[in-house]
């Protein structure tokens, strides 16, 4: 069972992102604020859950949270500022969009750019420790998976509806055969066959 909060006397927002390691598409982050005594028997790190459970939990999170927000940073900005900075920017943008101002940010991982006026705590593997971070991981992943499934309708050869833009064998083979799209990250190593990238 994950922990409800770090400090029950503060309004805490859990932050996480999805899509850092993908070859295509945006990086997406989410922020979630739960009541300090919140509990849920199934809520866990999104990577530990089936798609069916993630989709159901997404609805529960949006219903139960005091506030939640999802933000994207697109491929162009990823290529401009690098993927780490883009992921941190997406998390910051998700905090910007919250309708309730948090007093503490619980950030999954070990890096974060300080948010003005709000202290933060980085928590390694936090999505397996705190409910709010796990919820943020679910909102970020389900939002991004849905987005990549829509993009797959325009570019069906890459298999984004199943690989969400990650570098699976099918995705890499499609890049070698068809080249790259406007959604592929140029700053990533995509040059499996250089004559397709001129």
Protein backbone atom coordinates (compact mmCIF):
# COMPACT_ATOMS: atom_id res chain seq x y z
CA UNK A 1 0.00 0.00 0.00
CA UNK A 2 1.43 3.35 -1.01
CA UNK A 3 1.71 6.29 1.38
CA UNK A 4 -0.98 8.97 1.33
CA UNK A 5 1.45 11.85 1.86
CA UNK A 6 4.80 12.93 3.25
CA UNK A 7 3.44 15.70 5.50
CA UNK A 8 -0.30 15.62 6.33
CA UNK A 9 -0.21 19.29 7.31
CA UNK A 10 0.74 20.47 3.81
CA UNK A 11 -1.05 20.52 0.47
CA UNK A 12 1.19 18.17 -1.49
CA UNK A 13 1.28 17.69 -5.25
CA UNK A 14 2.84 14.58 -6.72
CA UNK A 15 4.68 15.05 -10.04
CA UNK A 16 5.77 12.57 -12.68
CA UNK A 17 6.38 12.39 -16.42
CA UNK A 18 6.02 9.94 -19.27
CA UNK A 19 7.82 9.57 -22.58
CA UNK A 20 11.39 10.59 -21.79
CA UNK A 21 12.88 7.64 -23.60
CA UNK A 22 10.66 7.74 -26.68
CA UNK A 23 11.93 8.38 -30.19
CA UNK A 24 8.82 10.32 -31.18
CA UNK A 25 6.13 12.52 -29.68
CA UNK A 26 6.04 14.94 -26.77
CA UNK A 27 7.08 14.38 -23.19
CA UNK A 28 4.08 14.60 -20.87
CA UNK A 29 3.93 15.38 -17.14
CA UNK A 30 1.16 15.47 -14.58
CA UNK A 31 0.59 16.89 -11.11
CA UNK A 32 -1.95 15.49 -8.65
CA UNK A 33 -3.14 16.73 -5.27
CA UNK A 34 -5.07 14.27 -3.10
CA UNK A 35 -6.61 14.77 0.34
CA UNK A 36 -3.92 14.00 2.94
CA UNK A 37 -5.81 10.90 4.13
CA UNK A 38 -6.54 9.54 0.66
CA UNK A 39 -6.28 5.82 0.01
CA UNK A 40 -6.93 3.55 -2.96
CA UNK A 41 -6.40 -0.23 -2.99
CA UNK A 42 -5.24 -0.47 -6.62
CA UNK A 43 -3.32 2.75 -7.17
CA UNK A 44 0.32 2.03 -7.99
CA UNK A 45 3.18 2.97 -10.31
CA UNK A 46 1.74 3.04 -13.85
CA UNK A 47 4.44 0.64 -15.07
CA UNK A 48 3.10 -2.03 -12.70
CA UNK A 49 -0.46 -1.83 -14.02
CA UNK A 50 -2.32 -3.19 -17.04
CA UNK A 51 -3.75 -0.76 -19.58
CA UNK A 52 -7.26 -1.63 -18.38
CA UNK A 53 -6.35 -0.80 -14.78
CA UNK A 54 -4.58 2.41 -15.77
CA UNK A 55 -7.61 3.57 -17.71
CA UNK A 56 -9.93 2.85 -14.79
CA UNK A 57 -7.59 4.49 -12.29
CA UNK A 58 -7.36 7.55 -14.54
CA UNK A 59 -11.08 8.09 -14.02
CA UNK A 60 -10.79 7.51 -10.26
CA UNK A 61 -7.90 9.98 -9.99
CA UNK A 62 -9.67 12.72 -11.90
CA UNK A 63 -12.77 12.19 -9.75
CA UNK A 64 -11.03 11.98 -6.35
CA UNK A 65 -8.18 14.48 -6.64
CA UNK A 66 -8.50 17.92 -5.12
CA UNK A 67 -6.69 19.15 -8.22
CA UNK A 68 -4.88 17.63 -11.18
CA UNK A 69 -3.24 18.83 -14.37
CA UNK A 70 -1.45 17.41 -17.41
CA UNK A 71 1.07 19.29 -19.55
CA UNK A 72 3.07 18.55 -22.70
CA UNK A 73 6.38 19.73 -24.13
CA UNK A 74 6.53 19.10 -27.85
CA UNK A 75 9.17 17.50 -30.03
CA UNK A 76 10.58 20.82 -31.24
CA UNK A 77 11.25 22.03 -27.72
CA UNK A 78 12.71 18.67 -26.71
CA UNK A 79 15.21 19.02 -29.55
CA UNK A 80 15.98 22.60 -28.52
CA UNK A 81 16.48 22.26 -24.76
CA UNK A 82 17.17 18.46 -24.47
CA UNK A 83 14.92 15.77 -23.05
CA UNK A 84 15.86 16.19 -19.37
CA UNK A 85 15.08 19.91 -19.40
CA UNK A 86 11.94 19.25 -21.41
CA UNK A 87 10.70 16.71 -18.85
CA UNK A 88 11.39 19.13 -15.99
CA UNK A 89 9.64 21.91 -17.93
CA UNK A 90 6.59 19.71 -18.49
CA UNK A 91 6.40 19.05 -14.73
CA UNK A 92 6.66 22.76 -14.03
CA UNK A 93 3.91 23.49 -16.56
CA UNK A 94 1.66 20.91 -14.90
CA UNK A 95 2.08 22.75 -11.58
CA UNK A 96 1.27 26.02 -13.33
CA UNK A 97 -2.08 24.58 -14.39
CA UNK A 98 -3.22 23.31 -10.98
CA UNK A 99 -6.36 25.02 -9.72
CA UNK A 100 -5.19 24.60 -6.12
CA UNK A 101 -1.75 25.91 -5.14
CA UNK A 102 0.38 23.22 -3.49
CA UNK A 103 2.60 23.89 -0.49
CA UNK A 104 5.00 21.04 -1.30
CA UNK A 105 5.96 19.22 -4.50
CA UNK A 106 6.84 15.51 -4.40
CA UNK A 107 8.83 14.85 -7.56
CA UNK A 108 9.53 11.41 -8.96
CA UNK A 109 13.24 10.95 -9.61
CA UNK A 110 16.37 12.80 -8.50
CA UNK A 111 16.28 16.03 -10.53
CA UNK A 112 14.04 19.08 -10.51
CA UNK A 113 14.39 22.80 -11.17
CA UNK A 114 13.12 24.65 -8.11
CA UNK A 115 9.62 26.03 -8.53
CA UNK A 116 9.29 29.64 -7.29
CA UNK A 117 7.69 29.83 -3.86
CA UNK A 118 7.04 26.09 -3.46
CA UNK A 119 9.55 23.73 -1.82
CA UNK A 120 10.08 20.33 -3.38
CA UNK A 121 11.34 16.90 -2.46
CA UNK A 122 12.78 14.55 -5.07
CA UNK A 123 11.85 10.93 -4.38
CA UNK A 124 13.66 8.18 -6.28
CA UNK A 125 11.10 5.59 -7.43
CA UNK A 126 8.50 7.85 -5.86
CA UNK A 127 5.75 6.42 -8.05
CA UNK A 128 6.06 3.25 -5.98
CA UNK A 129 6.00 5.13 -2.66
CA UNK A 130 3.46 7.97 -2.73
CA UNK A 131 -0.09 7.83 -4.07
CA UNK A 132 0.06 11.31 -5.57
CA UNK A 133 3.20 10.52 -7.59
CA UNK A 134 1.73 7.20 -8.74
CA UNK A 135 -1.42 9.04 -9.79
CA UNK A 136 0.65 11.59 -11.71
CA UNK A 137 2.46 8.75 -13.48
CA UNK A 138 -0.89 7.25 -14.52
CA UNK A 139 -2.32 10.54 -15.80
CA UNK A 140 0.86 11.33 -17.73
CA UNK A 141 1.10 7.87 -19.29
CA UNK A 142 -2.57 7.48 -20.22
CA UNK A 143 -2.67 10.98 -21.71
CA UNK A 144 0.46 10.33 -23.74
CA UNK A 145 -0.60 6.84 -24.87
CA UNK A 146 -3.91 8.27 -26.07
CA UNK A 147 -2.11 11.04 -27.95
CA UNK A 148 0.29 8.60 -29.63
CA UNK A 149 -2.62 6.34 -30.64
CA UNK A 150 -4.19 9.33 -32.40
CA UNK A 151 -0.91 10.15 -34.15
CA UNK A 152 -0.70 6.48 -35.21
CA UNK A 153 -3.78 6.99 -37.37
CA UNK A 154 -1.74 9.46 -39.45
CA UNK A 155 1.43 7.31 -39.42
CA UNK A 156 0.32 3.67 -39.01
CA UNK A 157 3.61 2.13 -40.14
CA UNK A 158 5.42 2.98 -36.86
CA UNK A 159 3.12 1.09 -34.47
CA UNK A 160 2.66 4.00 -32.09
CA UNK A 161 -0.71 2.67 -30.96
CA UNK A 162 1.18 -0.14 -29.18
CA UNK A 163 4.72 1.19 -28.63
CA UNK A 164 3.76 4.83 -27.81
CA UNK A 165 6.84 6.04 -29.68
CA UNK A 166 9.41 3.92 -27.85
CA UNK A 167 12.21 2.36 -29.88
CA UNK A 168 10.77 -1.10 -30.39
CA UNK A 169 12.03 -3.31 -33.18
CA UNK A 170 8.98 -2.51 -35.31
CA UNK A 171 9.42 1.22 -34.77
CA UNK A 172 13.12 1.17 -35.64
CA UNK A 173 12.52 -0.96 -38.71
CA UNK A 174 9.81 1.47 -39.86
CA UNK A 175 12.25 4.36 -39.46
CA UNK A 176 14.79 2.52 -41.60
CA UNK A 177 12.14 1.84 -44.27
CA UNK A 178 10.09 5.03 -44.26
CA UNK A 179 12.37 7.63 -42.68
CA UNK A 180 11.24 9.99 -39.93
CA UNK A 181 8.12 12.10 -39.41
CA UNK A 182 7.64 15.59 -38.03
CA UNK A 183 6.99 13.91 -34.66
CA UNK A 184 10.39 12.21 -34.38
CA UNK A 185 12.99 13.72 -32.06
CA UNK A 186 15.97 14.82 -34.12
CA UNK A 187 18.18 15.10 -31.05
CA UNK A 188 17.80 11.34 -30.43
CA UNK A 189 19.80 8.66 -32.23
CA UNK A 190 17.52 7.91 -35.16
CA UNK A 191 20.17 7.45 -37.86
CA UNK A 192 19.92 3.69 -38.35
CA UNK A 193 20.18 4.28 -42.11
CA UNK A 194 21.64 7.67 -42.86
CA UNK A 195 20.37 8.19 -46.41
CA UNK A 196 16.80 8.48 -45.08
CA UNK A 197 17.70 11.46 -42.93
CA UNK A 198 19.02 13.99 -45.43
